[in-house]
Amino acid sequence: MRKYFFFLLILSVTGCGSVTSEKVRCPKTSILAEFSKSIDFHKEIPIRSDLDSVIPQCTTDGLQTWVDFRLRITSIRPLLSFNTPMTIKTSYFVAVIDKAGNVLSRSNHDLVVKFEEKQTTKVNFVQLEERVPLGKEASIYIGFNLDETQRDFLGKERNKNVHNLRP
């Protein structure tokens, strides 16, 4: 009788856990190409940052889909400035957009990048969480918050690279 009671107790506890956190298919989660790169100038030294990858994992509680994702951000500084430690702050956004193009939520985040002495490349991993109402067809987009100067600089650089590819 005692074994039967413990078996039922274990079964009921594990059963409750699976109801509250069921794995589900994730909404489309992607990095926007035009906002995947950033350039910051620190004492006239250009520091590049790239949103490299995003890996989502989703669960539901019956009311909404919870999207937990890991974002990889790589920052690079030129060799000319690698002798001293340096810290920059870059800003990025996460937006949840429904099928009709309406913004369901948008959050801004700051990433502090600390280069050690003689370090030219710094890779950061960020854990984030977003919610999507259950039954809503939505997508999650990630990108850097760029000012006009950054957009112009990166646009010119992108166009320069495209022209170099032509025969």
C-alpha atoms as a PDB file:
ATOM      1  CA  MET A   1       0.000   0.000   0.000  1.00  0.00           C
ATOM      2  CA  ARG A   2       2.829   2.362   0.897  1.00  0.00           C
ATOM      3  CA  LYS A   3       4.588   1.787  -2.479  1.00  0.00           C
ATOM      4  CA  TYR A   4       1.327   2.460  -4.287  1.00  0.00           C
ATOM      5  CA  PHE A   5       0.888   5.771  -2.406  1.00  0.00           C
ATOM      6  CA  PHE A   6       4.428   6.980  -3.289  1.00  0.00           C
ATOM      7  CA  PHE A   7       3.923   5.956  -6.922  1.00  0.00           C
ATOM      8  CA  LEU A   8       0.725   8.054  -7.105  1.00  0.00           C
ATOM      9  CA  LEU A   9       2.413  10.952  -5.333  1.00  0.00           C
ATOM     10  CA  ILE A  10       5.343  10.980  -7.793  1.00  0.00           C
ATOM     11  CA  LEU A  11       3.003  10.619 -10.763  1.00  0.00           C
ATOM     12  CA  SER A  12       0.831  13.530  -9.642  1.00  0.00           C
ATOM     13  CA  VAL A  13       3.804  15.830  -8.964  1.00  0.00           C
ATOM     14  CA  THR A  14       5.437  15.164 -12.330  1.00  0.00           C
ATOM     15  CA  GLY A  15       2.092  15.490 -14.095  1.00  0.00           C
ATOM     16  CA  CYS A  16       1.485  18.957 -12.634  1.00  0.00           C
ATOM     17  CA  GLY A  17       4.892  20.150 -13.786  1.00  0.00           C
ATOM     18  CA  SER A  18       4.214  19.179 -17.385  1.00  0.00           C
ATOM     19  CA  VAL A  19       0.888  21.054 -17.499  1.00  0.00           C
ATOM     20  CA  THR A  20       2.410  24.397 -16.500  1.00  0.00           C
ATOM     21  CA  SER A  21       5.356  24.305 -18.917  1.00  0.00           C
ATOM     22  CA  GLU A  22       4.469  22.592 -22.173  1.00  0.00           C
ATOM     23  CA  LYS A  23       6.953  22.929 -25.057  1.00  0.00           C
ATOM     24  CA  VAL A  24       5.405  24.526 -28.126  1.00  0.00           C
ATOM     25  CA  ARG A  25       6.422  25.723 -31.563  1.00  0.00           C
ATOM     26  CA  CYS A  26       8.147  29.110 -31.390  1.00  0.00           C
ATOM     27  CA  PRO A  27       7.013  32.146 -33.340  1.00  0.00           C
ATOM     28  CA  LYS A  28       9.364  33.314 -36.082  1.00  0.00           C
ATOM     29  CA  THR A  29      12.320  34.893 -34.267  1.00  0.00           C
ATOM     30  CA  SER A  30      14.899  36.693 -36.359  1.00  0.00           C
ATOM     31  CA  ILE A  31      17.523  39.420 -36.522  1.00  0.00           C
ATOM     32  CA  LEU A  32      16.656  42.257 -38.915  1.00  0.00           C
ATOM     33  CA  ALA A  33      19.384  42.421 -41.568  1.00  0.00           C
ATOM     34  CA  GLU A  34      19.442  46.227 -41.820  1.00  0.00           C
ATOM     35  CA  PHE A  35      19.811  46.520 -38.040  1.00  0.00           C
ATOM     36  CA  SER A  36      22.154  43.572 -37.460  1.00  0.00           C
ATOM     37  CA  LYS A  37      25.306  45.712 -37.392  1.00  0.00           C
ATOM     38  CA  SER A  38      26.249  48.703 -35.310  1.00  0.00           C
ATOM     39  CA  ILE A  39      29.191  51.079 -35.325  1.00  0.00           C
ATOM     40  CA  ASP A  40      30.158  53.108 -32.294  1.00  0.00           C
ATOM     41  CA  PHE A  41      32.995  55.605 -32.178  1.00  0.00           C
ATOM     42  CA  HIS A  42      35.023  55.734 -28.980  1.00  0.00           C
ATOM     43  CA  LYS A  43      37.525  58.621 -29.173  1.00  0.00           C
ATOM     44  CA  GLU A  44      37.286  58.397 -32.998  1.00  0.00           C
ATOM     45  CA  ILE A  45      38.001  54.651 -32.893  1.00  0.00           C
ATOM     46  CA  PRO A  46      35.317  52.630 -34.721  1.00  0.00           C
ATOM     47  CA  ILE A  47      33.963  49.698 -32.707  1.00  0.00           C
ATOM     48  CA  ARG A  48      31.797  47.267 -34.683  1.00  0.00           C
ATOM     49  CA  SER A  49      29.130  45.078 -33.152  1.00  0.00           C
ATOM     50  CA  ASP A  50      27.160  42.341 -34.902  1.00  0.00           C
ATOM     51  CA  LEU A  51      24.054  40.489 -33.813  1.00  0.00           C
ATOM     52  CA  ASP A  52      25.304  37.037 -34.817  1.00  0.00           C
ATOM     53  CA  SER A  53      22.628  34.556 -33.845  1.00  0.00           C
ATOM     54  CA  VAL A  54      19.449  34.001 -31.896  1.00  0.00           C
ATOM     55  CA  ILE A  55      18.262  30.661 -30.540  1.00  0.00           C
ATOM     56  CA  PRO A  56      14.667  30.575 -29.231  1.00  0.00           C
ATOM     57  CA  GLN A  57      13.038  27.993 -26.981  1.00  0.00           C
ATOM     58  CA  CYS A  58       9.318  28.206 -26.223  1.00  0.00           C
ATOM     59  CA  THR A  59       6.865  27.043 -23.583  1.00  0.00           C
ATOM     60  CA  THR A  60       3.250  27.904 -22.798  1.00  0.00           C
ATOM     61  CA  ASP A  61       1.237  28.333 -19.637  1.00  0.00           C
ATOM     62  CA  GLY A  62      -2.109  28.064 -21.448  1.00  0.00           C
ATOM     63  CA  LEU A  63      -2.532  31.846 -21.746  1.00  0.00           C
ATOM     64  CA  GLN A  64       0.615  32.912 -23.557  1.00  0.00           C
ATOM     65  CA  THR A  65       3.727  31.598 -25.232  1.00  0.00           C
ATOM     66  CA  TRP A  66       6.961  32.323 -23.385  1.00  0.00           C
ATOM     67  CA  VAL A  67       9.895  32.760 -25.750  1.00  0.00           C
ATOM     68  CA  ASP A  68      13.262  32.383 -24.040  1.00  0.00           C
ATOM     69  CA  PHE A  69      16.124  33.086 -26.361  1.00  0.00           C
ATOM     70  CA  ARG A  70      19.865  33.426 -26.350  1.00  0.00           C
ATOM     71  CA  LEU A  71      21.359  36.240 -28.389  1.00  0.00           C
ATOM     72  CA  ARG A  72      25.011  36.332 -29.445  1.00  0.00           C
ATOM     73  CA  ILE A  73      26.652  39.728 -29.984  1.00  0.00           C
ATOM     74  CA  THR A  74      30.237  40.062 -31.251  1.00  0.00           C
ATOM     75  CA  SER A  75      32.112  43.361 -30.927  1.00  0.00           C
ATOM     76  CA  ILE A  76      35.426  44.111 -32.663  1.00  0.00           C
ATOM     77  CA  ARG A  77      37.849  46.963 -32.252  1.00  0.00           C
ATOM     78  CA  PRO A  78      40.839  47.753 -34.494  1.00  0.00           C
ATOM     79  CA  LEU A  79      44.351  46.618 -33.668  1.00  0.00           C
ATOM     80  CA  LEU A  80      45.443  50.253 -33.357  1.00  0.00           C
ATOM     81  CA  SER A  81      43.535  50.597 -30.087  1.00  0.00           C
ATOM     82  CA  PHE A  82      43.970  47.167 -28.521  1.00  0.00           C
ATOM     83  CA  ASN A  83      46.640  48.146 -25.969  1.00  0.00           C
ATOM     84  CA  THR A  84      44.290  49.720 -23.433  1.00  0.00           C
ATOM     85  CA  PRO A  85      41.101  48.512 -21.788  1.00  0.00           C
ATOM     86  CA  MET A  86      37.951  50.046 -23.248  1.00  0.00           C
ATOM     87  CA  THR A  87      34.241  49.986 -22.437  1.00  0.00           C
ATOM     88  CA  ILE A  88      31.400  50.834 -24.817  1.00  0.00           C
ATOM     89  CA  LYS A  89      27.648  50.637 -24.485  1.00  0.00           C
ATOM     90  CA  THR A  90      25.488  49.605 -27.416  1.00  0.00           C
ATOM     91  CA  SER A  91      21.699  49.534 -27.561  1.00  0.00           C
ATOM     92  CA  TYR A  92      19.383  47.014 -29.224  1.00  0.00           C
ATOM     93  CA  PHE A  93      15.640  46.342 -29.371  1.00  0.00           C
ATOM     94  CA  VAL A  94      13.305  43.354 -29.317  1.00  0.00           C
ATOM     95  CA  ALA A  95       9.901  43.829 -30.959  1.00  0.00           C
ATOM     96  CA  VAL A  96       6.915  41.482 -31.090  1.00  0.00           C
ATOM     97  CA  ILE A  97       4.849  42.155 -34.225  1.00  0.00           C
ATOM     98  CA  ASP A  98       1.518  40.510 -35.087  1.00  0.00           C
ATOM     99  CA  LYS A  99       0.507  39.260 -38.548  1.00  0.00           C
ATOM    100  CA  ALA A 100      -1.188  42.599 -39.370  1.00  0.00           C
ATOM    101  CA  GLY A 101       2.030  44.527 -38.605  1.00  0.00           C
ATOM    102  CA  ASN A 102       0.908  45.877 -35.222  1.00  0.00           C
ATOM    103  CA  VAL A 103       3.566  46.205 -32.524  1.00  0.00           C
ATOM    104  CA  LEU A 104       2.435  44.069 -29.571  1.00  0.00           C
ATOM    105  CA  SER A 105       5.503  44.980 -27.499  1.00  0.00           C
ATOM    106  CA  ARG A 106       8.903  46.576 -27.900  1.00  0.00           C
ATOM    107  CA  SER A 107      11.725  46.669 -25.387  1.00  0.00           C
ATOM    108  CA  ASN A 108      15.093  48.385 -25.522  1.00  0.00           C
ATOM    109  CA  HIS A 109      18.202  46.867 -23.978  1.00  0.00           C
ATOM    110  CA  ASP A 110      21.739  48.101 -23.369  1.00  0.00           C
ATOM    111  CA  LEU A 111      24.812  45.932 -23.576  1.00  0.00           C
ATOM    112  CA  VAL A 112      28.030  47.037 -21.897  1.00  0.00           C
ATOM    113  CA  VAL A 113      31.039  45.658 -23.781  1.00  0.00           C
ATOM    114  CA  LYS A 114      34.300  45.602 -21.836  1.00  0.00           C
ATOM    115  CA  PHE A 115      37.480  45.040 -23.821  1.00  0.00           C
ATOM    116  CA  GLU A 116      40.443  43.943 -21.734  1.00  0.00           C
ATOM    117  CA  GLU A 117      43.975  45.029 -22.566  1.00  0.00           C
ATOM    118  CA  LYS A 118      45.148  43.469 -25.882  1.00  0.00           C
ATOM    119  CA  GLN A 119      41.664  42.141 -26.669  1.00  0.00           C
ATOM    120  CA  THR A 120      40.267  42.996 -30.100  1.00  0.00           C
ATOM    121  CA  THR A 121      37.171  40.768 -30.125  1.00  0.00           C
ATOM    122  CA  LYS A 122      34.540  40.383 -27.430  1.00  0.00           C
ATOM    123  CA  VAL A 123      31.644  37.910 -27.652  1.00  0.00           C
ATOM    124  CA  ASN A 124      28.643  38.381 -25.342  1.00  0.00           C
ATOM    125  CA  PHE A 125      25.684  36.072 -24.837  1.00  0.00           C
ATOM    126  CA  VAL A 126      22.436  37.580 -23.588  1.00  0.00           C
ATOM    127  CA  GLN A 127      19.411  35.651 -22.266  1.00  0.00           C
ATOM    128  CA  LEU A 128      16.061  37.332 -22.971  1.00  0.00           C
ATOM    129  CA  GLU A 129      12.407  36.466 -22.551  1.00  0.00           C
ATOM    130  CA  GLU A 130       9.368  37.679 -24.471  1.00  0.00           C
ATOM    131  CA  ARG A 131       5.676  36.803 -24.241  1.00  0.00           C
ATOM    132  CA  VAL A 132       3.223  36.288 -27.084  1.00  0.00           C
ATOM    133  CA  PRO A 133      -0.520  35.890 -26.373  1.00  0.00           C
ATOM    134  CA  LEU A 134      -1.607  32.327 -27.093  1.00  0.00           C
ATOM    135  CA  GLY A 135      -3.358  32.034 -30.455  1.00  0.00           C
ATOM    136  CA  LYS A 136      -1.793  35.267 -31.789  1.00  0.00           C
ATOM    137  CA  GLU A 137       0.251  34.834 -34.935  1.00  0.00           C
ATOM    138  CA  ALA A 138       3.294  36.983 -34.242  1.00  0.00           C
ATOM    139  CA  SER A 139       6.987  37.351 -35.049  1.00  0.00           C
ATOM    140  CA  ILE A 140       9.874  38.565 -32.920  1.00  0.00           C
ATOM    141  CA  TYR A 141      12.449  40.882 -34.471  1.00  0.00           C
ATOM    142  CA  ILE A 142      15.769  41.961 -32.988  1.00  0.00           C
ATOM    143  CA  GLY A 143      18.076  44.772 -34.097  1.00  0.00           C
ATOM    144  CA  PHE A 144      20.377  47.543 -32.983  1.00  0.00           C
ATOM    145  CA  ASN A 145      18.983  50.985 -32.164  1.00  0.00           C
ATOM    146  CA  LEU A 146      20.855  53.092 -34.710  1.00  0.00           C
ATOM    147  CA  ASP A 147      20.968  56.855 -34.938  1.00  0.00           C
ATOM    148  CA  GLU A 148      21.039  58.641 -38.283  1.00  0.00           C
ATOM    149  CA  THR A 149      24.848  58.900 -38.342  1.00  0.00           C
ATOM    150  CA  GLN A 150      25.240  55.161 -37.743  1.00  0.00           C
ATOM    151  CA  ARG A 151      22.632  54.301 -40.413  1.00  0.00           C
ATOM    152  CA  ASP A 152      24.322  56.562 -42.962  1.00  0.00           C
ATOM    153  CA  PHE A 153      27.806  55.190 -42.219  1.00  0.00           C
ATOM    154  CA  LEU A 154      26.690  51.543 -42.401  1.00  0.00           C
ATOM    155  CA  GLY A 155      24.569  52.211 -45.518  1.00  0.00           C
ATOM    156  CA  LYS A 156      27.530  53.764 -47.355  1.00  0.00           C
ATOM    157  CA  GLU A 157      29.739  50.865 -46.309  1.00  0.00           C
ATOM    158  CA  ARG A 158      27.140  48.321 -47.470  1.00  0.00           C
ATOM    159  CA  ASN A 159      26.766  50.081 -50.834  1.00  0.00           C
ATOM    160  CA  LYS A 160      30.553  50.265 -51.243  1.00  0.00           C
ATOM    161  CA  ASN A 161      30.808  46.513 -50.726  1.00  0.00           C
ATOM    162  CA  VAL A 162      28.006  45.827 -53.229  1.00  0.00           C
ATOM    163  CA  HIS A 163      29.738  47.947 -55.899  1.00  0.00           C
ATOM    164  CA  ASN A 164      33.026  46.061 -55.320  1.00  0.00           C
ATOM    165  CA  LEU A 165      31.281  42.765 -56.122  1.00  0.00           C
ATOM    166  CA  ARG A 166      30.222  43.847 -59.590  1.00  0.00           C
ATOM    167  CA  PRO A 167      32.457  42.822 -62.538  1.00  0.00           C
END
